[in-house]
Structure formats: C-alpha cells, structure tokens
Amino acid sequence: MLTAPDFINALAGLIECLPHHKALSERGLAFAWSSLPPQAKADLSPPLLAYATTQRLLDPEPRQQLAIHIQLLAYLYPLHNGVPFVQQGLRPDLQRRIQQPGVFHPLITHPEHQRALPPAADVPLPQESREQRRRRIQSLAEATLQVALMEVEP
C-alpha cells in the first residue's frame, strides 16, 4: 500500500528532474495525493511508483495533457480513451514490464495485453417506430425550451 510521504517524495523528486516543470507547493502535492483514486493507493507500492517515475522520465512522448500524478498511473494501469482505467486493476503485463525497469515500455499495447472493457449495455434497446421517435424528440425539445425560457424570465 502506498503512503502519502512515499507518494509526495516520489512526485516531488520526479518534478525536479523534469525540464520545464514548475515545482509543486505543499498544497499542490497534498492535492495530488488526495485526488489519487483510492484503489490506486491500495494497489501501489513504493517499487511500483519508482517504476512509473522511471518510465515517465524515459517516455519520449509523455501525455502532457494529464496532470503529472495521473501520467504516472498510465504506466501502471490499462488505458481507456487515453486515461488510466484504475478500476480495471493493474496492467496484466506489468510484471513483465517491471523486469526491465531501465527500458521504456510504450503505453500502447496489443489488445491481448489488456483486458476487454465490459460492453456498454447488455440490455437491448427497445425498437421504436419513426412516429414514437418523432414524439420523443419533440417532447425533449419542448422541455428544453421551457427550461431555457424559465432561465430567461425575471
């Protein structure tokens, strides 16, 4: 299990090593810790965090659009829509990757290295007639208009 001091020390050390990154204040580091998903806190350990920080340093194209602490999770968890999917658990191929810590392991993996996400919906959607669909859309449009008018009226 990852502790706050281990996480904060690793994150602060990583930021100091990265070019063009502004050091986080104590408040920023505390916020990064508090916004870390609880499952990640339970799953991770200092050695796993050390692996992730090394991967971030070696990454030729890091995911700059993500916060630095979320970038670290991308090296440890499968990605879904470009974001670490912590609820799915650690990457199935993580043990293999950790055995070569000084080698960068690309984040994009073959489908067999990641578990498939559950289907969006198991229940078939009811078939509606063209008329039913027209009425549903009209009803939604009227409700939207009523809400908009309520917001405009004094």
N, C-alpha and C. Protein backbone atom coordinates (compact mmCIF):
# COMPACT_ATOMS: atom_id res chain seq x y z
N MET A 1 0.84 -1.18 0.00
CA MET A 1 0.00 0.00 0.00
C MET A 1 0.88 1.24 0.00
N LEU A 2 0.47 2.20 -0.79
CA LEU A 2 1.23 3.44 -0.94
C LEU A 2 0.86 4.40 0.18
N THR A 3 1.88 5.07 0.75
CA THR A 3 1.62 6.06 1.79
C THR A 3 1.81 7.46 1.21
N ALA A 4 1.22 8.44 1.87
CA ALA A 4 1.32 9.82 1.40
C ALA A 4 2.78 10.29 1.32
N PRO A 5 3.61 10.06 2.35
CA PRO A 5 5.00 10.52 2.25
C PRO A 5 5.76 9.89 1.07
N ASP A 6 5.54 8.59 0.83
CA ASP A 6 6.21 7.94 -0.30
C ASP A 6 5.79 8.57 -1.62
N PHE A 7 4.49 8.79 -1.75
CA PHE A 7 3.96 9.37 -2.99
C PHE A 7 4.47 10.79 -3.19
N ILE A 8 4.39 11.60 -2.14
CA ILE A 8 4.79 13.01 -2.25
C ILE A 8 6.28 13.12 -2.54
N ASN A 9 7.11 12.31 -1.90
CA ASN A 9 8.55 12.34 -2.18
C ASN A 9 8.85 11.93 -3.61
N ALA A 10 8.20 10.90 -4.08
CA ALA A 10 8.44 10.44 -5.46
C ALA A 10 7.98 11.48 -6.47
N LEU A 11 6.81 12.06 -6.25
CA LEU A 11 6.28 13.05 -7.19
C LEU A 11 7.14 14.31 -7.20
N ALA A 12 7.53 14.79 -6.02
CA ALA A 12 8.37 15.98 -5.94
C ALA A 12 9.73 15.73 -6.60
N GLY A 13 10.32 14.55 -6.36
CA GLY A 13 11.60 14.22 -6.98
C GLY A 13 11.49 14.14 -8.49
N LEU A 14 10.42 13.54 -8.98
CA LEU A 14 10.21 13.45 -10.43
C LEU A 14 10.10 14.83 -11.04
N ILE A 15 9.31 15.69 -10.43
CA ILE A 15 9.10 17.04 -10.97
C ILE A 15 10.42 17.81 -11.03
N GLU A 16 11.28 17.62 -10.02
CA GLU A 16 12.58 18.29 -10.04
C GLU A 16 13.46 17.81 -11.19
N CYS A 17 13.28 16.57 -11.61
CA CYS A 17 14.10 16.02 -12.69
C CYS A 17 13.58 16.38 -14.08
N LEU A 18 12.33 16.76 -14.18
CA LEU A 18 11.74 17.05 -15.49
C LEU A 18 12.05 18.48 -15.92
N PRO A 19 12.49 18.64 -17.16
CA PRO A 19 12.70 20.00 -17.65
C PRO A 19 11.35 20.69 -17.85
N HIS A 20 11.32 21.98 -17.64
CA HIS A 20 10.14 22.81 -17.91
C HIS A 20 8.96 22.52 -17.00
N HIS A 21 9.17 21.90 -15.87
CA HIS A 21 8.07 21.66 -14.93
C HIS A 21 8.29 22.53 -13.70
N LYS A 22 7.23 23.16 -13.28
CA LYS A 22 7.27 24.00 -12.10
C LYS A 22 7.07 23.13 -10.86
N ALA A 23 7.89 23.35 -9.85
CA ALA A 23 7.77 22.57 -8.62
C ALA A 23 6.40 22.81 -7.99
N LEU A 24 5.81 21.76 -7.46
CA LEU A 24 4.51 21.88 -6.79
C LEU A 24 4.72 22.33 -5.35
N SER A 25 3.81 23.16 -4.88
CA SER A 25 3.84 23.58 -3.49
C SER A 25 3.38 22.41 -2.62
N GLU A 26 3.50 22.58 -1.31
CA GLU A 26 3.00 21.54 -0.40
C GLU A 26 1.52 21.32 -0.63
N ARG A 27 0.78 22.40 -0.88
CA ARG A 27 -0.65 22.28 -1.14
C ARG A 27 -0.90 21.49 -2.42
N GLY A 28 -0.11 21.76 -3.47
CA GLY A 28 -0.26 21.04 -4.73
C GLY A 28 0.05 19.56 -4.58
N LEU A 29 1.09 19.25 -3.84
CA LEU A 29 1.43 17.85 -3.60
C LEU A 29 0.36 17.15 -2.77
N ALA A 30 -0.17 17.85 -1.77
CA ALA A 30 -1.24 17.28 -0.96
C ALA A 30 -2.49 17.05 -1.81
N PHE A 31 -2.77 17.99 -2.71
CA PHE A 31 -3.94 17.82 -3.58
C PHE A 31 -3.74 16.63 -4.52
N ALA A 32 -2.54 16.47 -5.06
CA ALA A 32 -2.27 15.32 -5.93
C ALA A 32 -2.52 14.02 -5.17
N TRP A 33 -2.07 13.96 -3.93
CA TRP A 33 -2.28 12.76 -3.12
C TRP A 33 -3.77 12.54 -2.86
N SER A 34 -4.48 13.59 -2.50
CA SER A 34 -5.90 13.43 -2.16
C SER A 34 -6.74 13.10 -3.39
N SER A 35 -6.30 13.51 -4.57
CA SER A 35 -7.08 13.23 -5.78
C SER A 35 -6.69 11.90 -6.44
N LEU A 36 -5.71 11.22 -5.87
CA LEU A 36 -5.34 9.90 -6.37
C LEU A 36 -6.48 8.92 -6.04
N PRO A 37 -6.93 8.12 -7.01
CA PRO A 37 -8.03 7.19 -6.72
C PRO A 37 -7.69 6.26 -5.56
N PRO A 38 -8.65 6.00 -4.67
CA PRO A 38 -8.39 5.12 -3.52
C PRO A 38 -7.85 3.74 -3.94
N GLN A 39 -8.34 3.20 -5.06
CA GLN A 39 -7.85 1.90 -5.48
C GLN A 39 -6.37 1.97 -5.83
N ALA A 40 -5.94 3.08 -6.43
CA ALA A 40 -4.52 3.23 -6.76
C ALA A 40 -3.68 3.26 -5.48
N LYS A 41 -4.17 3.94 -4.45
CA LYS A 41 -3.44 3.98 -3.18
C LYS A 41 -3.29 2.57 -2.60
N ALA A 42 -4.34 1.77 -2.76
CA ALA A 42 -4.30 0.39 -2.24
C ALA A 42 -3.43 -0.52 -3.11
N ASP A 43 -3.46 -0.33 -4.43
CA ASP A 43 -2.73 -1.20 -5.36
C ASP A 43 -1.23 -0.94 -5.37
N LEU A 44 -0.84 0.30 -5.21
CA LEU A 44 0.55 0.68 -5.46
C LEU A 44 1.44 0.53 -4.25
N SER A 45 2.73 0.44 -4.54
CA SER A 45 3.77 0.34 -3.52
C SER A 45 4.92 1.24 -3.97
N PRO A 46 5.85 1.54 -3.08
CA PRO A 46 7.00 2.36 -3.50
C PRO A 46 7.75 1.79 -4.72
N PRO A 47 7.99 0.46 -4.82
CA PRO A 47 8.67 -0.03 -6.02
C PRO A 47 7.86 0.21 -7.31
N LEU A 48 6.54 0.05 -7.24
CA LEU A 48 5.73 0.32 -8.43
C LEU A 48 5.77 1.79 -8.80
N LEU A 49 5.73 2.65 -7.80
CA LEU A 49 5.81 4.08 -8.06
C LEU A 49 7.18 4.45 -8.64
N ALA A 50 8.23 3.82 -8.15
CA ALA A 50 9.57 4.06 -8.69
C ALA A 50 9.64 3.64 -10.16
N TYR A 51 9.01 2.51 -10.49
CA TYR A 51 8.96 2.07 -11.89
C TYR A 51 8.23 3.13 -12.74
N ALA A 52 7.09 3.61 -12.25
CA ALA A 52 6.31 4.59 -13.02
C ALA A 52 7.09 5.88 -13.23
N THR A 53 7.80 6.35 -12.20
CA THR A 53 8.57 7.59 -12.36
C THR A 53 9.71 7.40 -13.36
N THR A 54 10.34 6.24 -13.35
CA THR A 54 11.39 5.95 -14.33
C THR A 54 10.81 5.94 -15.74
N GLN A 55 9.65 5.31 -15.91
CA GLN A 55 9.02 5.27 -17.22
C GLN A 55 8.67 6.68 -17.70
N ARG A 56 8.21 7.54 -16.78
CA ARG A 56 7.88 8.92 -17.16
C ARG A 56 9.12 9.66 -17.61
N LEU A 57 10.24 9.45 -16.94
CA LEU A 57 11.49 10.10 -17.35
C LEU A 57 11.97 9.60 -18.71
N LEU A 58 11.73 8.32 -19.01
CA LEU A 58 12.19 7.74 -20.27
C LEU A 58 11.22 7.98 -21.42
N ASP A 59 10.00 8.37 -21.14
CA ASP A 59 8.96 8.49 -22.16
C ASP A 59 9.27 9.62 -23.14
N PRO A 60 9.44 9.31 -24.44
CA PRO A 60 9.74 10.36 -25.42
C PRO A 60 8.52 11.22 -25.74
N GLU A 61 7.32 10.72 -25.49
CA GLU A 61 6.09 11.48 -25.77
C GLU A 61 5.11 11.33 -24.59
N PRO A 62 5.43 11.94 -23.45
CA PRO A 62 4.53 11.81 -22.30
C PRO A 62 3.19 12.49 -22.57
N ARG A 63 2.18 12.06 -21.86
CA ARG A 63 0.82 12.60 -22.01
C ARG A 63 0.72 13.91 -21.23
N GLN A 64 1.23 14.98 -21.85
CA GLN A 64 1.31 16.28 -21.19
C GLN A 64 -0.05 16.85 -20.82
N GLN A 65 -1.12 16.39 -21.49
CA GLN A 65 -2.45 16.93 -21.20
C GLN A 65 -2.99 16.43 -19.86
N LEU A 66 -2.35 15.42 -19.29
CA LEU A 66 -2.77 14.89 -17.99
C LEU A 66 -1.91 15.47 -16.88
N ALA A 67 -2.48 15.60 -15.70
CA ALA A 67 -1.70 16.02 -14.53
C ALA A 67 -0.58 15.01 -14.30
N ILE A 68 0.51 15.46 -13.73
CA ILE A 68 1.70 14.62 -13.60
C ILE A 68 1.42 13.33 -12.81
N HIS A 69 0.61 13.41 -11.76
CA HIS A 69 0.35 12.20 -10.97
C HIS A 69 -0.55 11.23 -11.74
N ILE A 70 -1.38 11.72 -12.62
CA ILE A 70 -2.21 10.85 -13.46
C ILE A 70 -1.35 10.25 -14.58
N GLN A 71 -0.36 11.02 -15.05
CA GLN A 71 0.57 10.48 -16.05
C GLN A 71 1.25 9.23 -15.49
N LEU A 72 1.63 9.26 -14.22
CA LEU A 72 2.30 8.10 -13.62
C LEU A 72 1.40 6.87 -13.64
N LEU A 73 0.12 7.07 -13.40
CA LEU A 73 -0.81 5.93 -13.40
C LEU A 73 -0.91 5.27 -14.77
N ALA A 74 -0.66 6.03 -15.83
CA ALA A 74 -0.75 5.48 -17.19
C ALA A 74 0.28 4.37 -17.42
N TYR A 75 1.36 4.38 -16.68
CA TYR A 75 2.39 3.34 -16.84
C TYR A 75 2.06 2.09 -16.03
N LEU A 76 1.04 2.18 -15.18
CA LEU A 76 0.70 1.09 -14.27
C LEU A 76 -0.66 0.46 -14.52
N TYR A 77 -1.55 1.20 -15.16
CA TYR A 77 -2.92 0.73 -15.38
C TYR A 77 -3.24 0.73 -16.87
N PRO A 78 -4.16 -0.13 -17.29
CA PRO A 78 -4.59 -0.10 -18.70
C PRO A 78 -5.22 1.26 -19.01
N LEU A 79 -5.15 1.62 -20.26
CA LEU A 79 -5.71 2.90 -20.69
C LEU A 79 -7.08 2.68 -21.31
N HIS A 80 -7.97 3.62 -21.05
CA HIS A 80 -9.29 3.65 -21.68
C HIS A 80 -9.50 5.09 -22.13
N ASN A 81 -9.62 5.29 -23.44
CA ASN A 81 -9.74 6.63 -24.01
C ASN A 81 -8.56 7.51 -23.60
N GLY A 82 -7.39 6.93 -23.52
CA GLY A 82 -6.17 7.67 -23.23
C GLY A 82 -5.95 8.01 -21.76
N VAL A 83 -6.82 7.52 -20.88
CA VAL A 83 -6.73 7.82 -19.46
C VAL A 83 -6.59 6.51 -18.69
N PRO A 84 -5.77 6.49 -17.62
CA PRO A 84 -5.63 5.26 -16.84
C PRO A 84 -6.98 4.80 -16.28
N PHE A 85 -7.28 3.53 -16.48
CA PHE A 85 -8.53 2.94 -16.03
C PHE A 85 -8.24 2.14 -14.77
N VAL A 86 -8.18 2.85 -13.63
CA VAL A 86 -7.75 2.27 -12.36
C VAL A 86 -8.69 1.16 -11.90
N GLN A 87 -10.00 1.33 -12.15
CA GLN A 87 -10.98 0.34 -11.69
C GLN A 87 -10.73 -1.04 -12.29
N GLN A 88 -10.03 -1.11 -13.40
CA GLN A 88 -9.77 -2.39 -14.05
C GLN A 88 -8.62 -3.14 -13.39
N GLY A 89 -7.87 -2.48 -12.54
CA GLY A 89 -6.74 -3.12 -11.89
C GLY A 89 -5.45 -2.87 -12.64
N LEU A 90 -4.35 -3.28 -12.06
CA LEU A 90 -3.03 -3.06 -12.66
C LEU A 90 -2.93 -3.75 -14.02
N ARG A 91 -2.05 -3.23 -14.85
CA ARG A 91 -1.86 -3.79 -16.18
C ARG A 91 -1.52 -5.28 -16.08
N PRO A 92 -2.13 -6.10 -16.91
CA PRO A 92 -1.82 -7.54 -16.87
C PRO A 92 -0.36 -7.84 -17.20
N ASP A 93 0.27 -6.98 -17.99
CA ASP A 93 1.65 -7.23 -18.40
C ASP A 93 2.66 -6.45 -17.54
N LEU A 94 2.21 -5.93 -16.40
CA LEU A 94 3.08 -5.09 -15.57
C LEU A 94 4.29 -5.84 -15.04
N GLN A 95 4.12 -7.09 -14.59
CA GLN A 95 5.25 -7.85 -14.06
C GLN A 95 6.35 -8.03 -15.11
N ARG A 96 5.96 -8.27 -16.35
CA ARG A 96 6.93 -8.40 -17.43
C ARG A 96 7.65 -7.08 -17.66
N ARG A 97 6.92 -5.99 -17.61
CA ARG A 97 7.50 -4.67 -17.85
C ARG A 97 8.48 -4.29 -16.73
N ILE A 98 8.12 -4.61 -15.50
CA ILE A 98 8.95 -4.22 -14.35
C ILE A 98 10.30 -4.94 -14.38
N GLN A 99 10.36 -6.08 -14.99
CA GLN A 99 11.62 -6.83 -15.05
C GLN A 99 12.68 -6.12 -15.89
N GLN A 100 12.27 -5.13 -16.67
CA GLN A 100 13.20 -4.31 -17.45
C GLN A 100 12.96 -2.84 -17.11
N PRO A 101 13.33 -2.41 -15.92
CA PRO A 101 12.97 -1.06 -15.47
C PRO A 101 13.65 0.07 -16.22
N GLY A 102 14.82 -0.15 -16.76
CA GLY A 102 15.54 0.91 -17.45
C GLY A 102 15.19 1.03 -18.92
N VAL A 103 14.22 0.25 -19.38
CA VAL A 103 13.80 0.26 -20.78
C VAL A 103 12.42 0.88 -20.84
N PHE A 104 12.23 1.83 -21.76
CA PHE A 104 10.89 2.42 -21.88
C PHE A 104 9.95 1.42 -22.54
N HIS A 105 8.79 1.27 -21.93
CA HIS A 105 7.75 0.39 -22.45
C HIS A 105 6.60 1.26 -22.94
N PRO A 106 6.36 1.29 -24.25
CA PRO A 106 5.30 2.15 -24.78
C PRO A 106 3.95 1.86 -24.12
N LEU A 107 3.14 2.90 -24.02
CA LEU A 107 1.84 2.77 -23.38
C LEU A 107 0.83 2.04 -24.26
N ILE A 108 0.97 2.16 -25.56
CA ILE A 108 0.05 1.49 -26.47
C ILE A 108 0.46 0.04 -26.54
N THR A 109 -0.46 -0.83 -26.19
CA THR A 109 -0.16 -2.26 -26.19
C THR A 109 -1.10 -2.99 -27.13
N HIS A 110 -0.77 -4.21 -27.40
CA HIS A 110 -1.63 -5.04 -28.22
C HIS A 110 -2.87 -5.40 -27.42
N PRO A 111 -4.00 -5.60 -28.08
CA PRO A 111 -5.24 -5.90 -27.36
C PRO A 111 -5.14 -7.09 -26.41
N GLU A 112 -4.31 -8.07 -26.72
CA GLU A 112 -4.24 -9.24 -25.84
C GLU A 112 -3.56 -8.92 -24.52
N HIS A 113 -2.87 -7.77 -24.42
CA HIS A 113 -2.21 -7.40 -23.18
C HIS A 113 -3.15 -6.65 -22.23
N GLN A 114 -4.31 -6.28 -22.72
CA GLN A 114 -5.26 -5.58 -21.88
C GLN A 114 -6.57 -6.34 -21.85
N ARG A 115 -7.18 -6.36 -20.68
CA ARG A 115 -8.48 -7.00 -20.57
C ARG A 115 -9.51 -6.14 -21.28
N ALA A 116 -10.46 -6.77 -21.90
CA ALA A 116 -11.51 -6.04 -22.60
C ALA A 116 -12.43 -5.36 -21.60
N LEU A 117 -12.90 -4.19 -21.97
CA LEU A 117 -13.86 -3.49 -21.14
C LEU A 117 -15.22 -4.16 -21.29
N PRO A 118 -16.02 -4.11 -20.25
CA PRO A 118 -17.35 -4.70 -20.36
C PRO A 118 -18.17 -3.94 -21.39
N PRO A 119 -19.13 -4.61 -22.03
CA PRO A 119 -19.95 -3.91 -23.01
C PRO A 119 -20.72 -2.78 -22.34
N ALA A 120 -20.99 -1.75 -23.11
CA ALA A 120 -21.66 -0.57 -22.56
C ALA A 120 -23.04 -0.92 -22.03
N ALA A 121 -23.76 -1.77 -22.72
CA ALA A 121 -25.10 -2.13 -22.26
C ALA A 121 -25.39 -3.56 -22.69
N ASP A 122 -25.85 -4.37 -21.73
CA ASP A 122 -26.20 -5.74 -22.06
C ASP A 122 -27.67 -5.86 -22.46
N VAL A 123 -28.44 -4.84 -22.14
CA VAL A 123 -29.87 -4.89 -22.41
C VAL A 123 -30.12 -4.30 -23.80
N PRO A 124 -30.80 -5.04 -24.66
CA PRO A 124 -31.07 -4.48 -25.99
C PRO A 124 -32.03 -3.29 -25.87
N LEU A 125 -31.77 -2.28 -26.65
CA LEU A 125 -32.63 -1.10 -26.64
C LEU A 125 -33.94 -1.43 -27.34
N PRO A 126 -35.04 -0.92 -26.82
CA PRO A 126 -36.32 -1.20 -27.47
C PRO A 126 -36.38 -0.51 -28.83
N GLN A 127 -37.01 -1.18 -29.76
CA GLN A 127 -37.19 -0.60 -31.09
C GLN A 127 -38.37 0.37 -31.03
N GLU A 128 -38.17 1.55 -31.56
CA GLU A 128 -39.28 2.50 -31.59
C GLU A 128 -39.61 2.85 -33.03
N SER A 129 -40.86 3.12 -33.23
CA SER A 129 -41.28 3.48 -34.59
C SER A 129 -40.81 4.90 -34.89
N ARG A 130 -40.90 5.26 -36.13
CA ARG A 130 -40.50 6.59 -36.55
C ARG A 130 -41.36 7.64 -35.84
N GLU A 131 -42.64 7.34 -35.69
CA GLU A 131 -43.56 8.26 -35.02
C GLU A 131 -43.22 8.39 -33.53
N GLN A 132 -42.91 7.28 -32.87
CA GLN A 132 -42.53 7.32 -31.46
C GLN A 132 -41.26 8.14 -31.27
N ARG A 133 -40.31 7.96 -32.16
CA ARG A 133 -39.06 8.71 -32.09
C ARG A 133 -39.33 10.20 -32.28
N ARG A 134 -40.19 10.54 -33.26
CA ARG A 134 -40.51 11.94 -33.53
C ARG A 134 -41.14 12.57 -32.29
N ARG A 135 -42.07 11.87 -31.63
CA ARG A 135 -42.73 12.38 -30.44
C ARG A 135 -41.74 12.55 -29.28
N ARG A 136 -40.84 11.58 -29.13
CA ARG A 136 -39.84 11.66 -28.05
C ARG A 136 -38.93 12.86 -28.25
N ILE A 137 -38.48 13.07 -29.47
CA ILE A 137 -37.59 14.20 -29.76
C ILE A 137 -38.34 15.52 -29.58
N GLN A 138 -39.59 15.56 -30.03
CA GLN A 138 -40.38 16.78 -29.87
C GLN A 138 -40.60 17.09 -28.39
N SER A 139 -40.86 16.07 -27.60
CA SER A 139 -41.06 16.26 -26.17
C SER A 139 -39.79 16.79 -25.51
N LEU A 140 -38.63 16.23 -25.88
CA LEU A 140 -37.36 16.71 -25.33
C LEU A 140 -37.10 18.16 -25.74
N ALA A 141 -37.41 18.49 -26.99
CA ALA A 141 -37.20 19.85 -27.47
C ALA A 141 -38.09 20.84 -26.71
N GLU A 142 -39.36 20.46 -26.47
CA GLU A 142 -40.27 21.33 -25.73
C GLU A 142 -39.80 21.52 -24.29
N ALA A 143 -39.36 20.45 -23.65
CA ALA A 143 -38.86 20.55 -22.28
C ALA A 143 -37.63 21.43 -22.21
N THR A 144 -36.73 21.29 -23.18
CA THR A 144 -35.53 22.12 -23.22
C THR A 144 -35.89 23.58 -23.39
N LEU A 145 -36.86 23.87 -24.26
CA LEU A 145 -37.31 25.24 -24.50
C LEU A 145 -37.92 25.82 -23.23
N GLN A 146 -38.72 25.04 -22.50
CA GLN A 146 -39.33 25.52 -21.27
C GLN A 146 -38.27 25.87 -20.22
N VAL A 147 -37.26 25.03 -20.10
CA VAL A 147 -36.18 25.31 -19.15
C VAL A 147 -35.45 26.57 -19.56
N ALA A 148 -35.17 26.73 -20.84
CA ALA A 148 -34.47 27.92 -21.32
C ALA A 148 -35.29 29.18 -21.06
N LEU A 149 -36.60 29.11 -21.27
CA LEU A 149 -37.46 30.27 -21.02
C LEU A 149 -37.51 30.62 -19.54
N MET A 150 -37.51 29.61 -18.67
CA MET A 150 -37.53 29.86 -17.22
C MET A 150 -36.25 30.57 -16.79
N GLU A 151 -35.13 30.24 -17.43
CA GLU A 151 -33.85 30.87 -17.07
C GLU A 151 -33.80 32.32 -17.53
N VAL A 152 -34.54 32.66 -18.61
CA VAL A 152 -34.50 34.00 -19.17
C VAL A 152 -35.49 34.92 -18.45
N GLU A 153 -36.64 34.40 -18.04
CA GLU A 153 -37.65 35.22 -17.39
C GLU A 153 -37.16 35.73 -16.05
N PRO A 154 -37.51 37.00 -15.71
CA PRO A 154 -37.07 37.58 -14.42
C PRO A 154 -37.81 36.99 -13.24
